[in-house]
Amino acid sequence: MSDDYLRKPFSIAPSPTVDDPQTATTNYTPATSTFSSAPVSPYLNYDSRFLQQAQPEFIFPEGANKQRGRFELAFSQIGSSVMIGGGIGGLAGVYNGFKATNALNQTGKLRRTQLINHIMKQGSGTANTLGTLAVLYSACGVLLQYARDQDDNVNTIIAGSATGLLYKSTAGLRKCALGGAIGLGISSLYCLYLLSQENNNTNSSPKFL
């Protein structure tokens, strides 16, 4: 059997007979798209552009938010804070280590050991500090979100103020109030930044941290 029929495009028109060459010329309809001149698949005989419909990229369950809540963001915030704190503390340890070893005229293995000690000590201390602040802030934010049943700038400001108060709660009333004021100021500046971004792009909703 010849394989010529495999090379011909698929068509739903009746196949022409050999005895009528005029019919074979006029009734033959190649399977081409009505929108373009390129032939479509001979096995499917449809235009793939019919399947391209405007649908959302992601499917969310009914009633679900299109952004992650504070509990989901807490893990990345805590981890990022610890890593950033370790990096900042490590750089500060390098600077202080070189300064201390140069003052004592230390060289060789002794200087290298002192540098490592400074890096590890200050890196771990700064990472612990920022990680603790992130845990306190995330915990306050999650509790406020569940208590108020909404996530807005009010939660951010209250969580920031409570974080400063709790972090300095064991250092006396004055330092506790100072920590709360610092937390209030930082959270207020962050909320102002979110509001400015929301005004610049009204189509996207802000993501509260």
N, C-alpha and C. Protein backbone atom coordinates (compact mmCIF):
# COMPACT_ATOMS: atom_id res chain seq x y z
N MET A 1 0.85 -1.19 0.00
CA MET A 1 0.00 0.00 0.00
C MET A 1 0.89 1.24 0.00
N SER A 2 0.50 2.25 -0.76
CA SER A 2 1.28 3.48 -0.85
C SER A 2 1.08 4.34 0.39
N ASP A 3 2.10 5.11 0.74
CA ASP A 3 2.02 6.02 1.89
C ASP A 3 1.69 7.43 1.48
N ASP A 4 1.14 7.63 0.28
CA ASP A 4 0.83 8.99 -0.17
C ASP A 4 -0.27 9.63 0.66
N TYR A 5 -1.18 8.81 1.18
CA TYR A 5 -2.29 9.39 1.94
C TYR A 5 -1.81 9.98 3.26
N LEU A 6 -0.64 9.54 3.75
CA LEU A 6 -0.11 10.11 4.99
C LEU A 6 0.44 11.51 4.79
N ARG A 7 0.84 11.83 3.56
CA ARG A 7 1.41 13.14 3.28
C ARG A 7 0.35 14.18 2.98
N LYS A 8 -0.89 13.76 2.79
CA LYS A 8 -1.95 14.69 2.48
C LYS A 8 -2.57 15.23 3.75
N PRO A 9 -2.93 16.52 3.78
CA PRO A 9 -3.59 17.07 4.98
C PRO A 9 -4.97 16.49 5.15
N PHE A 10 -5.37 16.43 6.41
CA PHE A 10 -6.67 15.85 6.74
C PHE A 10 -7.79 16.79 6.29
N SER A 11 -8.87 16.24 5.81
CA SER A 11 -10.00 17.03 5.36
C SER A 11 -11.27 16.27 5.64
N ILE A 12 -12.32 17.02 6.03
CA ILE A 12 -13.61 16.39 6.28
C ILE A 12 -14.46 16.33 5.01
N ALA A 13 -13.96 16.89 3.94
CA ALA A 13 -14.69 16.83 2.67
C ALA A 13 -14.60 15.43 2.11
N PRO A 14 -15.59 15.02 1.31
CA PRO A 14 -15.55 13.67 0.72
C PRO A 14 -14.37 13.54 -0.22
N SER A 15 -13.76 12.39 -0.18
CA SER A 15 -12.57 12.16 -1.01
C SER A 15 -12.97 12.09 -2.48
N PRO A 16 -12.23 12.74 -3.34
CA PRO A 16 -12.57 12.74 -4.76
C PRO A 16 -12.27 11.39 -5.39
N THR A 17 -12.99 11.11 -6.44
CA THR A 17 -12.76 9.87 -7.19
C THR A 17 -11.75 10.11 -8.28
N VAL A 18 -11.13 9.04 -8.70
CA VAL A 18 -10.10 9.15 -9.74
C VAL A 18 -10.72 9.42 -11.10
N ASP A 19 -11.99 8.98 -11.29
CA ASP A 19 -12.62 9.14 -12.59
C ASP A 19 -13.03 10.57 -12.88
N ASP A 20 -13.12 11.40 -11.86
CA ASP A 20 -13.59 12.77 -12.05
C ASP A 20 -12.50 13.73 -11.59
N PRO A 21 -11.54 14.08 -12.45
CA PRO A 21 -10.45 14.98 -12.03
C PRO A 21 -10.93 16.37 -11.71
N GLN A 22 -12.03 16.83 -12.37
CA GLN A 22 -12.54 18.17 -12.06
C GLN A 22 -13.06 18.24 -10.63
N THR A 23 -13.74 17.18 -10.20
CA THR A 23 -14.24 17.13 -8.82
C THR A 23 -13.10 17.05 -7.83
N ALA A 24 -12.05 16.33 -8.22
CA ALA A 24 -10.90 16.21 -7.33
C ALA A 24 -10.22 17.55 -7.12
N THR A 25 -10.32 18.44 -8.11
CA THR A 25 -9.68 19.74 -7.98
C THR A 25 -10.54 20.72 -7.21
N THR A 26 -11.85 20.66 -7.40
CA THR A 26 -12.72 21.68 -6.80
C THR A 26 -13.19 21.31 -5.41
N ASN A 27 -13.41 20.04 -5.12
CA ASN A 27 -13.96 19.64 -3.83
C ASN A 27 -12.90 19.42 -2.76
N TYR A 28 -11.65 19.42 -3.16
CA TYR A 28 -10.60 19.15 -2.18
C TYR A 28 -10.42 20.39 -1.30
N THR A 29 -10.54 20.21 0.02
CA THR A 29 -10.42 21.31 0.98
C THR A 29 -9.35 20.96 1.99
N PRO A 30 -8.21 21.62 1.96
CA PRO A 30 -7.16 21.32 2.96
C PRO A 30 -7.58 21.81 4.33
N ALA A 31 -7.07 21.14 5.33
CA ALA A 31 -7.40 21.49 6.72
C ALA A 31 -6.53 22.65 7.16
N THR A 32 -6.99 23.84 6.88
CA THR A 32 -6.26 25.04 7.26
C THR A 32 -7.11 25.86 8.21
N SER A 33 -6.47 26.71 8.97
CA SER A 33 -7.16 27.54 9.94
C SER A 33 -7.88 28.68 9.24
N THR A 34 -9.04 29.05 9.76
CA THR A 34 -9.77 30.18 9.21
C THR A 34 -9.14 31.50 9.60
N PHE A 35 -8.23 31.50 10.60
CA PHE A 35 -7.60 32.72 11.05
C PHE A 35 -6.21 32.90 10.45
N SER A 36 -5.59 31.84 10.02
CA SER A 36 -4.26 31.93 9.44
C SER A 36 -4.15 30.91 8.32
N SER A 37 -3.13 31.08 7.50
CA SER A 37 -2.93 30.19 6.37
C SER A 37 -2.14 28.95 6.73
N ALA A 38 -1.65 28.83 7.95
CA ALA A 38 -0.87 27.66 8.35
C ALA A 38 -1.79 26.48 8.59
N PRO A 39 -1.44 25.30 8.10
CA PRO A 39 -2.30 24.12 8.33
C PRO A 39 -2.27 23.70 9.78
N VAL A 40 -3.41 23.22 10.26
CA VAL A 40 -3.50 22.73 11.62
C VAL A 40 -3.15 21.25 11.65
N SER A 41 -3.24 20.66 12.83
CA SER A 41 -2.86 19.27 12.97
C SER A 41 -3.77 18.39 12.12
N PRO A 42 -3.22 17.46 11.34
CA PRO A 42 -4.07 16.57 10.53
C PRO A 42 -4.84 15.56 11.36
N TYR A 43 -4.49 15.43 12.64
CA TYR A 43 -5.17 14.47 13.50
C TYR A 43 -6.29 15.12 14.30
N LEU A 44 -6.23 16.42 14.50
CA LEU A 44 -7.24 17.10 15.31
C LEU A 44 -8.16 17.99 14.48
N ASN A 45 -7.61 18.67 13.48
CA ASN A 45 -8.38 19.51 12.57
C ASN A 45 -9.15 20.59 13.33
N TYR A 46 -8.45 21.36 14.16
CA TYR A 46 -9.06 22.50 14.84
C TYR A 46 -7.99 23.57 15.04
N ASP A 47 -8.45 24.77 15.24
CA ASP A 47 -7.54 25.89 15.47
C ASP A 47 -7.27 26.00 16.96
N SER A 48 -6.00 25.94 17.34
CA SER A 48 -5.65 25.96 18.76
C SER A 48 -5.98 27.28 19.43
N ARG A 49 -6.21 28.34 18.65
CA ARG A 49 -6.52 29.63 19.27
C ARG A 49 -7.90 29.65 19.89
N PHE A 50 -8.74 28.66 19.54
CA PHE A 50 -10.04 28.57 20.19
C PHE A 50 -9.91 28.24 21.68
N LEU A 51 -8.79 27.61 22.06
CA LEU A 51 -8.59 27.21 23.45
C LEU A 51 -7.97 28.30 24.31
N GLN A 52 -7.49 29.37 23.71
CA GLN A 52 -6.86 30.45 24.45
C GLN A 52 -7.93 31.40 24.97
N GLN A 53 -8.23 31.27 26.24
CA GLN A 53 -9.24 32.09 26.87
C GLN A 53 -8.61 32.88 28.01
N ALA A 54 -9.19 34.02 28.29
CA ALA A 54 -8.69 34.88 29.37
C ALA A 54 -9.15 34.33 30.71
N GLN A 55 -8.26 33.65 31.41
CA GLN A 55 -8.55 33.08 32.71
C GLN A 55 -7.44 33.46 33.68
N PRO A 56 -7.73 33.49 34.97
CA PRO A 56 -6.68 33.82 35.95
C PRO A 56 -5.58 32.77 35.94
N GLU A 57 -4.38 33.23 36.24
CA GLU A 57 -3.23 32.33 36.22
C GLU A 57 -3.29 31.32 37.35
N PHE A 58 -3.80 31.73 38.52
CA PHE A 58 -3.89 30.85 39.67
C PHE A 58 -5.35 30.70 40.07
N ILE A 59 -5.68 29.56 40.60
CA ILE A 59 -7.03 29.26 41.04
C ILE A 59 -7.03 29.25 42.56
N PHE A 60 -7.86 30.09 43.17
CA PHE A 60 -7.95 30.18 44.61
C PHE A 60 -9.26 29.57 45.08
N PRO A 61 -9.25 28.89 46.22
CA PRO A 61 -10.51 28.38 46.76
C PRO A 61 -11.48 29.51 47.07
N GLU A 62 -12.74 29.18 47.09
CA GLU A 62 -13.75 30.19 47.34
C GLU A 62 -13.60 30.76 48.75
N GLY A 63 -13.53 32.07 48.84
CA GLY A 63 -13.36 32.75 50.12
C GLY A 63 -11.93 32.90 50.57
N ALA A 64 -10.96 32.39 49.81
CA ALA A 64 -9.56 32.49 50.22
C ALA A 64 -8.97 33.82 49.75
N ASN A 65 -7.98 34.31 50.50
CA ASN A 65 -7.31 35.55 50.14
C ASN A 65 -6.30 35.29 49.04
N LYS A 66 -6.06 36.32 48.22
CA LYS A 66 -5.09 36.21 47.13
C LYS A 66 -3.69 36.58 47.58
N GLN A 67 -3.47 36.76 48.85
CA GLN A 67 -2.14 37.01 49.37
C GLN A 67 -1.98 36.25 50.69
N ARG A 68 -0.75 35.96 51.01
CA ARG A 68 -0.47 35.20 52.22
C ARG A 68 -0.72 36.05 53.45
N GLY A 69 -1.19 35.39 54.50
CA GLY A 69 -1.45 36.08 55.75
C GLY A 69 -0.18 36.25 56.57
N ARG A 70 -0.35 36.83 57.75
CA ARG A 70 0.81 37.08 58.60
C ARG A 70 1.44 35.79 59.10
N PHE A 71 0.64 34.77 59.32
CA PHE A 71 1.21 33.51 59.81
C PHE A 71 2.10 32.87 58.75
N GLU A 72 1.68 32.92 57.49
CA GLU A 72 2.51 32.36 56.42
C GLU A 72 3.77 33.18 56.20
N LEU A 73 3.66 34.50 56.35
CA LEU A 73 4.83 35.36 56.15
C LEU A 73 5.78 35.34 57.34
N ALA A 74 5.32 34.88 58.50
CA ALA A 74 6.15 34.93 59.70
C ALA A 74 7.42 34.09 59.55
N PHE A 75 7.31 32.93 58.91
CA PHE A 75 8.47 32.04 58.80
C PHE A 75 9.58 32.67 57.95
N SER A 76 9.19 33.25 56.83
CA SER A 76 10.20 33.90 55.98
C SER A 76 10.77 35.15 56.65
N GLN A 77 9.94 35.87 57.39
CA GLN A 77 10.43 37.07 58.08
C GLN A 77 11.44 36.71 59.16
N ILE A 78 11.15 35.69 59.94
CA ILE A 78 12.07 35.30 61.01
C ILE A 78 13.39 34.79 60.43
N GLY A 79 13.30 33.93 59.44
CA GLY A 79 14.53 33.41 58.83
C GLY A 79 15.36 34.49 58.17
N SER A 80 14.69 35.40 57.45
CA SER A 80 15.43 36.50 56.81
C SER A 80 16.08 37.41 57.84
N SER A 81 15.38 37.67 58.93
CA SER A 81 15.95 38.53 59.98
C SER A 81 17.19 37.90 60.59
N VAL A 82 17.14 36.61 60.85
CA VAL A 82 18.31 35.93 61.42
C VAL A 82 19.49 35.98 60.46
N MET A 83 19.24 35.72 59.19
CA MET A 83 20.34 35.73 58.21
C MET A 83 20.91 37.13 58.02
N ILE A 84 20.04 38.13 57.95
CA ILE A 84 20.52 39.51 57.80
C ILE A 84 21.31 39.93 59.04
N GLY A 85 20.80 39.56 60.22
CA GLY A 85 21.53 39.88 61.45
C GLY A 85 22.88 39.21 61.51
N GLY A 86 22.95 37.95 61.07
CA GLY A 86 24.24 37.27 61.04
C GLY A 86 25.22 37.93 60.09
N GLY A 87 24.73 38.38 58.93
CA GLY A 87 25.61 39.04 57.98
C GLY A 87 26.12 40.38 58.49
N ILE A 88 25.20 41.17 59.05
CA ILE A 88 25.61 42.48 59.58
C ILE A 88 26.58 42.32 60.76
N GLY A 89 26.24 41.40 61.67
CA GLY A 89 27.13 41.16 62.80
C GLY A 89 28.48 40.61 62.38
N GLY A 90 28.49 39.77 61.35
CA GLY A 90 29.77 39.25 60.87
C GLY A 90 30.66 40.33 60.29
N LEU A 91 30.06 41.25 59.52
CA LEU A 91 30.86 42.37 58.98
C LEU A 91 31.39 43.26 60.10
N ALA A 92 30.53 43.51 61.09
CA ALA A 92 30.99 44.31 62.23
C ALA A 92 32.10 43.59 63.00
N GLY A 93 31.99 42.26 63.09
CA GLY A 93 33.04 41.49 63.76
C GLY A 93 34.36 41.55 63.01
N VAL A 94 34.30 41.54 61.68
CA VAL A 94 35.54 41.66 60.90
C VAL A 94 36.22 43.00 61.17
N TYR A 95 35.42 44.06 61.17
CA TYR A 95 35.98 45.41 61.42
C TYR A 95 36.58 45.51 62.82
N ASN A 96 35.81 45.08 63.81
CA ASN A 96 36.32 45.17 65.19
C ASN A 96 37.49 44.22 65.42
N GLY A 97 37.47 43.07 64.74
CA GLY A 97 38.58 42.13 64.90
C GLY A 97 39.88 42.69 64.35
N PHE A 98 39.82 43.28 63.15
CA PHE A 98 41.03 43.90 62.60
C PHE A 98 41.51 45.05 63.47
N LYS A 99 40.57 45.81 63.98
CA LYS A 99 40.94 46.95 64.83
C LYS A 99 41.61 46.48 66.13
N ALA A 100 41.06 45.42 66.73
CA ALA A 100 41.62 44.93 67.99
C ALA A 100 42.97 44.26 67.79
N THR A 101 43.11 43.48 66.73
CA THR A 101 44.38 42.78 66.50
C THR A 101 45.49 43.75 66.08
N ASN A 102 45.13 44.79 65.35
CA ASN A 102 46.14 45.78 65.00
C ASN A 102 46.61 46.56 66.22
N ALA A 103 45.69 46.82 67.14
CA ALA A 103 46.08 47.54 68.35
C ALA A 103 47.01 46.71 69.23
N LEU A 104 46.83 45.38 69.21
CA LEU A 104 47.68 44.50 70.03
C LEU A 104 48.86 43.93 69.25
N ASN A 105 49.01 44.33 67.98
CA ASN A 105 50.12 43.86 67.14
C ASN A 105 50.14 42.33 67.04
N GLN A 106 48.98 41.74 66.89
CA GLN A 106 48.89 40.28 66.77
C GLN A 106 49.01 39.88 65.31
N THR A 107 49.69 38.77 65.06
CA THR A 107 49.89 38.28 63.70
C THR A 107 49.73 36.77 63.68
N GLY A 108 49.66 36.22 62.47
CA GLY A 108 49.65 34.77 62.30
C GLY A 108 48.38 34.12 62.80
N LYS A 109 48.56 32.94 63.40
CA LYS A 109 47.43 32.16 63.87
C LYS A 109 46.66 32.85 64.98
N LEU A 110 47.37 33.58 65.82
CA LEU A 110 46.69 34.28 66.91
C LEU A 110 45.73 35.33 66.38
N ARG A 111 46.17 36.06 65.36
CA ARG A 111 45.30 37.08 64.76
C ARG A 111 44.10 36.43 64.08
N ARG A 112 44.33 35.33 63.37
CA ARG A 112 43.22 34.65 62.69
C ARG A 112 42.21 34.12 63.70
N THR A 113 42.68 33.59 64.81
CA THR A 113 41.77 33.09 65.84
C THR A 113 40.94 34.21 66.44
N GLN A 114 41.57 35.35 66.69
CA GLN A 114 40.84 36.49 67.25
C GLN A 114 39.80 37.02 66.27
N LEU A 115 40.13 37.03 64.98
CA LEU A 115 39.16 37.47 63.98
C LEU A 115 37.94 36.55 63.94
N ILE A 116 38.19 35.25 63.98
CA ILE A 116 37.08 34.30 63.97
C ILE A 116 36.21 34.46 65.21
N ASN A 117 36.84 34.69 66.35
CA ASN A 117 36.08 34.89 67.59
C ASN A 117 35.19 36.13 67.51
N HIS A 118 35.74 37.22 66.98
CA HIS A 118 34.94 38.44 66.84
C HIS A 118 33.78 38.24 65.87
N ILE A 119 34.03 37.57 64.76
CA ILE A 119 32.97 37.36 63.77
C ILE A 119 31.86 36.49 64.34
N MET A 120 32.23 35.39 64.99
CA MET A 120 31.22 34.48 65.53
C MET A 120 30.43 35.14 66.66
N LYS A 121 31.11 35.88 67.51
CA LYS A 121 30.44 36.49 68.66
C LYS A 121 29.46 37.57 68.22
N GLN A 122 29.92 38.50 67.41
CA GLN A 122 29.03 39.59 67.00
C GLN A 122 28.00 39.11 65.99
N GLY A 123 28.35 38.18 65.14
CA GLY A 123 27.37 37.66 64.19
C GLY A 123 26.22 36.95 64.87
N SER A 124 26.53 36.09 65.83
CA SER A 124 25.47 35.37 66.54
C SER A 124 24.64 36.32 67.40
N GLY A 125 25.30 37.31 68.01
CA GLY A 125 24.56 38.26 68.84
C GLY A 125 23.57 39.09 68.04
N THR A 126 24.01 39.62 66.90
CA THR A 126 23.10 40.42 66.07
C THR A 126 22.00 39.56 65.46
N ALA A 127 22.33 38.34 65.05
CA ALA A 127 21.31 37.45 64.51
C ALA A 127 20.27 37.11 65.57
N ASN A 128 20.71 36.89 66.80
CA ASN A 128 19.78 36.59 67.89
C ASN A 128 18.86 37.78 68.17
N THR A 129 19.42 38.99 68.11
CA THR A 129 18.62 40.19 68.38
C THR A 129 17.54 40.38 67.32
N LEU A 130 17.93 40.36 66.05
CA LEU A 130 16.95 40.56 64.98
C LEU A 130 15.95 39.41 64.91
N GLY A 131 16.41 38.19 65.18
CA GLY A 131 15.48 37.06 65.20
C GLY A 131 14.45 37.18 66.30
N THR A 132 14.87 37.64 67.47
CA THR A 132 13.93 37.84 68.58
C THR A 132 12.90 38.91 68.25
N LEU A 133 13.36 40.00 67.66
CA LEU A 133 12.43 41.06 67.25
C LEU A 133 11.43 40.56 66.22
N ALA A 134 11.90 39.75 65.27
CA ALA A 134 11.01 39.22 64.25
C ALA A 134 9.98 38.27 64.84
N VAL A 135 10.39 37.45 65.82
CA VAL A 135 9.45 36.53 66.46
C VAL A 135 8.38 37.31 67.23
N LEU A 136 8.80 38.32 67.98
CA LEU A 136 7.83 39.12 68.74
C LEU A 136 6.86 39.85 67.81
N TYR A 137 7.40 40.44 66.75
CA TYR A 137 6.54 41.18 65.82
C TYR A 137 5.56 40.24 65.11
N SER A 138 6.05 39.09 64.66
CA SER A 138 5.18 38.15 63.96
C SER A 138 4.10 37.61 64.88
N ALA A 139 4.47 37.30 66.12
CA ALA A 139 3.48 36.78 67.07
C ALA A 139 2.39 37.82 67.36
N CYS A 140 2.80 39.06 67.58
CA CYS A 140 1.81 40.12 67.83
C CYS A 140 0.92 40.34 66.61
N GLY A 141 1.52 40.31 65.42
CA GLY A 141 0.72 40.51 64.22
C GLY A 141 -0.28 39.40 63.98
N VAL A 142 0.13 38.15 64.21
CA VAL A 142 -0.78 37.02 64.02
C VAL A 142 -1.92 37.07 65.03
N LEU A 143 -1.61 37.38 66.28
CA LEU A 143 -2.67 37.47 67.30
C LEU A 143 -3.65 38.59 66.99
N LEU A 144 -3.14 39.72 66.53
CA LEU A 144 -4.03 40.83 66.19
C LEU A 144 -4.90 40.49 64.98
N GLN A 145 -4.34 39.78 64.03
CA GLN A 145 -5.12 39.40 62.85
C GLN A 145 -6.27 38.47 63.22
N TYR A 146 -6.00 37.51 64.09
CA TYR A 146 -7.06 36.60 64.52
C TYR A 146 -8.06 37.29 65.45
N ALA A 147 -7.59 38.23 66.26
CA ALA A 147 -8.49 38.91 67.19
C ALA A 147 -9.41 39.89 66.47
N ARG A 148 -8.87 40.65 65.52
CA ARG A 148 -9.66 41.66 64.81
C ARG A 148 -10.29 41.13 63.54
N ASP A 149 -9.86 39.94 63.10
CA ASP A 149 -10.39 39.30 61.90
C ASP A 149 -10.17 40.16 60.65
N GLN A 150 -9.09 40.90 60.62
CA GLN A 150 -8.72 41.67 59.45
C GLN A 150 -7.24 42.04 59.54
N ASP A 151 -6.67 42.35 58.39
CA ASP A 151 -5.25 42.67 58.33
C ASP A 151 -5.10 44.02 57.66
N ASP A 152 -4.68 45.02 58.43
CA ASP A 152 -4.56 46.36 57.89
C ASP A 152 -3.40 47.08 58.57
N ASN A 153 -3.32 48.39 58.34
CA ASN A 153 -2.23 49.18 58.91
C ASN A 153 -2.30 49.27 60.43
N VAL A 154 -3.49 49.15 60.98
CA VAL A 154 -3.63 49.22 62.44
C VAL A 154 -2.88 48.06 63.09
N ASN A 155 -3.00 46.88 62.52
CA ASN A 155 -2.26 45.73 63.06
C ASN A 155 -0.76 45.94 62.99
N THR A 156 -0.30 46.53 61.90
CA THR A 156 1.14 46.76 61.75
C THR A 156 1.66 47.74 62.80
N ILE A 157 0.93 48.82 63.03
CA ILE A 157 1.37 49.83 64.00
C ILE A 157 1.33 49.27 65.42
N ILE A 158 0.25 48.57 65.76
CA ILE A 158 0.15 48.01 67.11
C ILE A 158 1.21 46.94 67.34
N ALA A 159 1.43 46.09 66.34
CA ALA A 159 2.43 45.03 66.48
C ALA A 159 3.83 45.61 66.62
N GLY A 160 4.15 46.66 65.86
CA GLY A 160 5.46 47.29 65.99
C GLY A 160 5.66 47.93 67.35
N SER A 161 4.64 48.61 67.85
CA SER A 161 4.75 49.23 69.17
C SER A 161 4.88 48.18 70.27
N ALA A 162 4.07 47.12 70.17
CA ALA A 162 4.14 46.06 71.18
C ALA A 162 5.48 45.34 71.15
N THR A 163 6.08 45.21 69.97
CA THR A 163 7.39 44.57 69.88
C THR A 163 8.45 45.36 70.64
N GLY A 164 8.45 46.69 70.44
CA GLY A 164 9.41 47.52 71.17
C GLY A 164 9.19 47.49 72.67
N LEU A 165 7.92 47.49 73.09
CA LEU A 165 7.63 47.45 74.53
C LEU A 165 8.07 46.12 75.15
N LEU A 166 7.76 45.02 74.48
CA LEU A 166 8.12 43.71 75.03
C LEU A 166 9.62 43.47 75.03
N TYR A 167 10.30 43.95 74.00
CA TYR A 167 11.74 43.69 73.91
C TYR A 167 12.50 44.43 75.02
N LYS A 168 12.04 45.61 75.40
CA LYS A 168 12.70 46.39 76.44
C LYS A 168 11.93 46.37 77.76
N SER A 169 11.06 45.39 77.92
CA SER A 169 10.23 45.36 79.13
C SER A 169 11.03 45.05 80.39
N THR A 170 12.16 44.39 80.27
CA THR A 170 12.96 44.04 81.45
C THR A 170 14.05 45.07 81.75
N ALA A 171 14.12 46.14 80.96
CA ALA A 171 15.18 47.14 81.15
C ALA A 171 14.71 48.38 81.88
N GLY A 172 13.52 48.35 82.43
CA GLY A 172 13.02 49.52 83.14
C GLY A 172 11.92 50.22 82.36
N LEU A 173 11.17 51.04 83.07
CA LEU A 173 10.02 51.70 82.46
C LEU A 173 10.43 52.70 81.39
N ARG A 174 11.51 53.43 81.63
CA ARG A 174 11.93 54.44 80.67
C ARG A 174 12.38 53.80 79.36
N LYS A 175 13.24 52.78 79.45
CA LYS A 175 13.70 52.11 78.23
C LYS A 175 12.57 51.35 77.55
N CYS A 176 11.63 50.86 78.33
CA CYS A 176 10.48 50.18 77.74
C CYS A 176 9.66 51.16 76.90
N ALA A 177 9.42 52.35 77.45
CA ALA A 177 8.69 53.37 76.69
C ALA A 177 9.47 53.81 75.46
N LEU A 178 10.80 53.90 75.59
CA LEU A 178 11.62 54.28 74.44
C LEU A 178 11.55 53.22 73.35
N GLY A 179 11.59 51.95 73.75
CA GLY A 179 11.47 50.88 72.76
C GLY A 179 10.12 50.89 72.06
N GLY A 180 9.05 51.15 72.82
CA GLY A 180 7.73 51.25 72.20
C GLY A 180 7.64 52.41 71.23
N ALA A 181 8.26 53.54 71.58
CA ALA A 181 8.24 54.70 70.69
C ALA A 181 9.01 54.42 69.40
N ILE A 182 10.14 53.73 69.53
CA ILE A 182 10.91 53.38 68.33
C ILE A 182 10.11 52.42 67.44
N GLY A 183 9.47 51.43 68.05
CA GLY A 183 8.64 50.52 67.26
C GLY A 183 7.47 51.22 66.60
N LEU A 184 6.87 52.16 67.32
CA LEU A 184 5.77 52.94 66.75
C LEU A 184 6.24 53.77 65.57
N GLY A 185 7.41 54.39 65.70
CA GLY A 185 7.92 55.21 64.61
C GLY A 185 8.26 54.40 63.37
N ILE A 186 8.92 53.25 63.57
CA ILE A 186 9.31 52.42 62.42
C ILE A 186 8.07 51.86 61.72
N SER A 187 7.11 51.37 62.49
CA SER A 187 5.90 50.81 61.88
C SER A 187 5.07 51.90 61.19
N SER A 188 5.05 53.11 61.74
CA SER A 188 4.31 54.19 61.10
C SER A 188 4.96 54.58 59.77
N LEU A 189 6.28 54.64 59.75
CA LEU A 189 6.97 54.95 58.49
C LEU A 189 6.71 53.88 57.44
N TYR A 190 6.68 52.63 57.88
CA TYR A 190 6.41 51.54 56.94
C TYR A 190 4.99 51.63 56.39
N CYS A 191 4.03 51.98 57.24
CA CYS A 191 2.64 52.12 56.77
C CYS A 191 2.51 53.29 55.80
N LEU A 192 3.22 54.37 56.06
CA LEU A 192 3.20 55.50 55.12
C LEU A 192 3.79 55.09 53.78
N TYR A 193 4.82 54.28 53.81
CA TYR A 193 5.41 53.78 52.56
C TYR A 193 4.41 52.92 51.80
N LEU A 194 3.68 52.05 52.51
CA LEU A 194 2.68 51.22 51.85
C LEU A 194 1.56 52.06 51.24
N LEU A 195 1.13 53.09 51.95
CA LEU A 195 0.07 53.95 51.43
C LEU A 195 0.53 54.71 50.19
N SER A 196 1.78 55.15 50.18
CA SER A 196 2.29 55.83 48.99
C SER A 196 2.37 54.88 47.80
N GLN A 197 2.78 53.63 48.05
CA GLN A 197 2.81 52.65 46.97
C GLN A 197 1.41 52.32 46.48
N GLU A 198 0.45 52.28 47.38
CA GLU A 198 -0.93 52.00 46.98
C GLU A 198 -1.50 53.14 46.14
N ASN A 199 -1.14 54.37 46.47
CA ASN A 199 -1.62 55.50 45.68
C ASN A 199 -0.98 55.54 44.30
N ASN A 200 0.27 55.11 44.21
CA ASN A 200 0.94 55.09 42.91
C ASN A 200 0.40 53.99 42.00
N ASN A 201 0.00 52.88 42.60
CA ASN A 201 -0.53 51.75 41.82
C ASN A 201 -1.83 51.32 42.47
N THR A 202 -2.92 51.86 42.01
CA THR A 202 -4.23 51.58 42.62
C THR A 202 -4.76 50.21 42.26
N ASN A 203 -4.19 49.56 41.25
CA ASN A 203 -4.71 48.25 40.82
C ASN A 203 -4.26 47.12 41.72
N SER A 204 -3.17 47.30 42.46
CA SER A 204 -2.65 46.23 43.31
C SER A 204 -2.87 46.58 44.76
N SER A 205 -3.23 45.58 45.56
CA SER A 205 -3.46 45.78 46.98
C SER A 205 -2.15 45.63 47.73
N PRO A 206 -1.90 46.44 48.79
CA PRO A 206 -0.65 46.33 49.53
C PRO A 206 -0.59 45.05 50.34
N LYS A 207 0.61 44.58 50.56
CA LYS A 207 0.83 43.37 51.36
C LYS A 207 1.40 43.79 52.71
N PHE A 208 0.61 43.62 53.76
CA PHE A 208 1.04 44.03 55.08
C PHE A 208 1.95 42.98 55.68
N LEU A 209 2.99 43.43 56.34
CA LEU A 209 3.93 42.52 56.98
C LEU A 209 3.74 42.51 58.48
